[in-house]
């Protein structure tokens, strides 16, 4: 089971990552977080043996916090290359995207990215709240 969702800000993204880490940990195959300047894209892969009720619970949490996302062709290729095992830096350079996290759910990586980005800008854009 796979989901691709878009979240308006860092707080919503972190909320979902906390849920995945604490409620779905053994069911998560991988999570990729990409920052696109005005939104956060989350690609979630769950293990195929997941019972349907847990999948529906996860889907409900995603819908409460974000909206389904339809990727651009370049974003779809970037996600495909990550799944194929290409390195994060390679994919970021090839497709000009900011991959914040890839692998296990880790809200701290979003927090670290947020702090570094805001420090570099000198202010906090709405998407980084």
C-alpha atoms as a PDB file:
ATOM      1  CA  UNK A   1       0.000   0.000   0.000  1.00  0.00           C
ATOM      2  CA  UNK A   2       1.370   3.419  -0.972  1.00  0.00           C
ATOM      3  CA  UNK A   3       0.258   6.966  -0.273  1.00  0.00           C
ATOM      4  CA  UNK A   4       1.432  10.281  -1.685  1.00  0.00           C
ATOM      5  CA  UNK A   5       0.203  13.261   0.332  1.00  0.00           C
ATOM      6  CA  UNK A   6       0.859  16.967   0.511  1.00  0.00           C
ATOM      7  CA  UNK A   7       0.975  18.925   3.789  1.00  0.00           C
ATOM      8  CA  UNK A   8       0.763  22.705   4.164  1.00  0.00           C
ATOM      9  CA  UNK A   9       3.482  23.109   6.779  1.00  0.00           C
ATOM     10  CA  UNK A  10       6.194  21.448   8.846  1.00  0.00           C
ATOM     11  CA  UNK A  11       3.958  21.001  11.902  1.00  0.00           C
ATOM     12  CA  UNK A  12       1.447  18.858  10.021  1.00  0.00           C
ATOM     13  CA  UNK A  13       4.251  16.845   8.464  1.00  0.00           C
ATOM     14  CA  UNK A  14       5.801  16.219  11.884  1.00  0.00           C
ATOM     15  CA  UNK A  15       2.425  15.230  13.327  1.00  0.00           C
ATOM     16  CA  UNK A  16       2.016  12.560  10.658  1.00  0.00           C
ATOM     17  CA  UNK A  17       5.597  11.340  11.138  1.00  0.00           C
ATOM     18  CA  UNK A  18       4.998  11.009  14.904  1.00  0.00           C
ATOM     19  CA  UNK A  19       1.897   8.953  14.179  1.00  0.00           C
ATOM     20  CA  UNK A  20       3.823   6.717  11.773  1.00  0.00           C
ATOM     21  CA  UNK A  21       6.692   6.301  14.216  1.00  0.00           C
ATOM     22  CA  UNK A  22       4.549   5.467  17.237  1.00  0.00           C
ATOM     23  CA  UNK A  23       1.433   3.800  15.804  1.00  0.00           C
ATOM     24  CA  UNK A  24       2.562   2.244  12.517  1.00  0.00           C
ATOM     25  CA  UNK A  25       6.282   1.593  13.061  1.00  0.00           C
ATOM     26  CA  UNK A  26       6.317  -2.119  12.179  1.00  0.00           C
ATOM     27  CA  UNK A  27       4.087  -1.529   9.132  1.00  0.00           C
ATOM     28  CA  UNK A  28       6.112   1.252   7.476  1.00  0.00           C
ATOM     29  CA  UNK A  29       8.422   0.136   4.664  1.00  0.00           C
ATOM     30  CA  UNK A  30       9.672   3.677   3.945  1.00  0.00           C
ATOM     31  CA  UNK A  31       8.750   7.340   4.148  1.00  0.00           C
ATOM     32  CA  UNK A  32      10.149  10.059   1.897  1.00  0.00           C
ATOM     33  CA  UNK A  33       9.713  13.722   2.806  1.00  0.00           C
ATOM     34  CA  UNK A  34      10.334  16.360   0.130  1.00  0.00           C
ATOM     35  CA  UNK A  35      10.082  20.111   0.700  1.00  0.00           C
ATOM     36  CA  UNK A  36       8.767  22.066  -2.317  1.00  0.00           C
ATOM     37  CA  UNK A  37       8.976  25.661  -0.965  1.00  0.00           C
ATOM     38  CA  UNK A  38       5.217  25.994  -0.450  1.00  0.00           C
ATOM     39  CA  UNK A  39       4.334  22.482   0.711  1.00  0.00           C
ATOM     40  CA  UNK A  40       5.685  19.198   2.025  1.00  0.00           C
ATOM     41  CA  UNK A  41       5.232  16.034  -0.025  1.00  0.00           C
ATOM     42  CA  UNK A  42       5.200  12.704   1.806  1.00  0.00           C
ATOM     43  CA  UNK A  43       5.537   9.405  -0.008  1.00  0.00           C
ATOM     44  CA  UNK A  44       4.589   6.557   2.317  1.00  0.00           C
ATOM     45  CA  UNK A  45       5.051   2.869   1.576  1.00  0.00           C
ATOM     46  CA  UNK A  46       3.478   0.329   3.908  1.00  0.00           C
ATOM     47  CA  UNK A  47       4.286  -3.372   4.065  1.00  0.00           C
ATOM     48  CA  UNK A  48       2.015  -5.486   1.836  1.00  0.00           C
ATOM     49  CA  UNK A  49       0.938  -7.736   4.728  1.00  0.00           C
ATOM     50  CA  UNK A  50      -0.758  -4.808   6.504  1.00  0.00           C
ATOM     51  CA  UNK A  51      -4.272  -5.627   7.662  1.00  0.00           C
ATOM     52  CA  UNK A  52      -6.899  -3.442   5.920  1.00  0.00           C
ATOM     53  CA  UNK A  53      -8.173  -1.818   9.123  1.00  0.00           C
ATOM     54  CA  UNK A  54      -4.685  -0.439   9.943  1.00  0.00           C
ATOM     55  CA  UNK A  55      -4.387   0.826   6.368  1.00  0.00           C
ATOM     56  CA  UNK A  56      -7.697   2.669   6.669  1.00  0.00           C
ATOM     57  CA  UNK A  57      -6.604   4.194   9.993  1.00  0.00           C
ATOM     58  CA  UNK A  58      -3.411   5.465   8.373  1.00  0.00           C
ATOM     59  CA  UNK A  59      -5.357   6.806   5.397  1.00  0.00           C
ATOM     60  CA  UNK A  60      -7.697   8.668   7.803  1.00  0.00           C
ATOM     61  CA  UNK A  61      -4.753  10.332   9.597  1.00  0.00           C
ATOM     62  CA  UNK A  62      -3.257  11.401   6.271  1.00  0.00           C
ATOM     63  CA  UNK A  63      -6.612  12.853   5.149  1.00  0.00           C
ATOM     64  CA  UNK A  64      -7.086  14.731   8.425  1.00  0.00           C
ATOM     65  CA  UNK A  65      -3.761  16.514   8.012  1.00  0.00           C
ATOM     66  CA  UNK A  66      -3.179  16.826   4.279  1.00  0.00           C
ATOM     67  CA  UNK A  67      -4.466  16.169   0.793  1.00  0.00           C
ATOM     68  CA  UNK A  68      -3.593  13.530  -1.809  1.00  0.00           C
ATOM     69  CA  UNK A  69      -0.854  14.714  -4.135  1.00  0.00           C
ATOM     70  CA  UNK A  70      -0.408  14.067  -7.848  1.00  0.00           C
ATOM     71  CA  UNK A  71       3.302  14.407  -8.600  1.00  0.00           C
ATOM     72  CA  UNK A  72       4.833  16.192 -11.533  1.00  0.00           C
ATOM     73  CA  UNK A  73       6.716  13.873 -13.888  1.00  0.00           C
ATOM     74  CA  UNK A  74      10.068  14.972 -12.446  1.00  0.00           C
ATOM     75  CA  UNK A  75       8.921  14.356  -8.859  1.00  0.00           C
ATOM     76  CA  UNK A  76       7.605  10.924  -9.848  1.00  0.00           C
ATOM     77  CA  UNK A  77      10.993  10.120 -11.410  1.00  0.00           C
ATOM     78  CA  UNK A  78      12.808  11.355  -8.296  1.00  0.00           C
ATOM     79  CA  UNK A  79      10.704   9.075  -6.079  1.00  0.00           C
ATOM     80  CA  UNK A  80      11.278   6.177  -8.464  1.00  0.00           C
ATOM     81  CA  UNK A  81      15.053   6.721  -8.426  1.00  0.00           C
ATOM     82  CA  UNK A  82      15.074   6.812  -4.615  1.00  0.00           C
ATOM     83  CA  UNK A  83      13.166   3.538  -4.513  1.00  0.00           C
ATOM     84  CA  UNK A  84      15.652   2.083  -7.006  1.00  0.00           C
ATOM     85  CA  UNK A  85      18.460   2.829  -4.551  1.00  0.00           C
ATOM     86  CA  UNK A  86      19.995   6.009  -5.973  1.00  0.00           C
ATOM     87  CA  UNK A  87      21.655   8.231  -3.375  1.00  0.00           C
ATOM     88  CA  UNK A  88      19.838  11.194  -1.872  1.00  0.00           C
ATOM     89  CA  UNK A  89      22.393  13.707  -3.109  1.00  0.00           C
ATOM     90  CA  UNK A  90      22.302  12.282  -6.627  1.00  0.00           C
ATOM     91  CA  UNK A  91      18.522  12.516  -6.779  1.00  0.00           C
ATOM     92  CA  UNK A  92      18.446  16.022  -5.284  1.00  0.00           C
ATOM     93  CA  UNK A  93      20.986  17.272  -7.820  1.00  0.00           C
ATOM     94  CA  UNK A  94      19.347  15.515 -10.766  1.00  0.00           C
ATOM     95  CA  UNK A  95      15.792  16.667 -10.059  1.00  0.00           C
ATOM     96  CA  UNK A  96      16.394  19.876  -8.053  1.00  0.00           C
ATOM     97  CA  UNK A  97      14.286  18.855  -5.071  1.00  0.00           C
ATOM     98  CA  UNK A  98      14.982  19.099  -1.340  1.00  0.00           C
ATOM     99  CA  UNK A  99      14.736  15.597   0.105  1.00  0.00           C
ATOM    100  CA  UNK A 100      14.441  16.099   3.835  1.00  0.00           C
ATOM    101  CA  UNK A 101      14.099  12.470   4.859  1.00  0.00           C
ATOM    102  CA  UNK A 102      14.045   9.008   3.314  1.00  0.00           C
ATOM    103  CA  UNK A 103      13.657   5.718   5.165  1.00  0.00           C
ATOM    104  CA  UNK A 104      12.179   5.325   8.640  1.00  0.00           C
ATOM    105  CA  UNK A 105       9.776   8.017   9.934  1.00  0.00           C
ATOM    106  CA  UNK A 106      11.920  10.671  11.614  1.00  0.00           C
ATOM    107  CA  UNK A 107      10.243  13.938  12.709  1.00  0.00           C
ATOM    108  CA  UNK A 108      13.595  15.251  13.988  1.00  0.00           C
ATOM    109  CA  UNK A 109      14.918  15.494  10.416  1.00  0.00           C
ATOM    110  CA  UNK A 110      12.045  17.828   9.514  1.00  0.00           C
ATOM    111  CA  UNK A 111      12.771  19.913  12.612  1.00  0.00           C
ATOM    112  CA  UNK A 112      16.484  20.149  11.759  1.00  0.00           C
ATOM    113  CA  UNK A 113      15.731  21.109   8.140  1.00  0.00           C
ATOM    114  CA  UNK A 114      13.212  23.706   9.311  1.00  0.00           C
ATOM    115  CA  UNK A 115      15.684  25.345  11.719  1.00  0.00           C
ATOM    116  CA  UNK A 116      18.506  25.447   9.167  1.00  0.00           C
ATOM    117  CA  UNK A 117      16.266  26.840   6.425  1.00  0.00           C
ATOM    118  CA  UNK A 118      14.807  29.546   8.667  1.00  0.00           C
ATOM    119  CA  UNK A 119      18.281  30.492   9.964  1.00  0.00           C
ATOM    120  CA  UNK A 120      19.482  30.903   6.383  1.00  0.00           C
ATOM    121  CA  UNK A 121      16.502  33.040   5.369  1.00  0.00           C
ATOM    122  CA  UNK A 122      16.288  35.113   8.503  1.00  0.00           C
ATOM    123  CA  UNK A 123      12.497  34.650   8.711  1.00  0.00           C
ATOM    124  CA  UNK A 124      10.004  31.779   8.786  1.00  0.00           C
ATOM    125  CA  UNK A 125       7.797  31.270   5.704  1.00  0.00           C
ATOM    126  CA  UNK A 126       4.290  29.889   6.280  1.00  0.00           C
ATOM    127  CA  UNK A 127       5.223  26.437   4.953  1.00  0.00           C
ATOM    128  CA  UNK A 128       7.940  26.069   7.608  1.00  0.00           C
ATOM    129  CA  UNK A 129       5.702  26.823  10.592  1.00  0.00           C
END
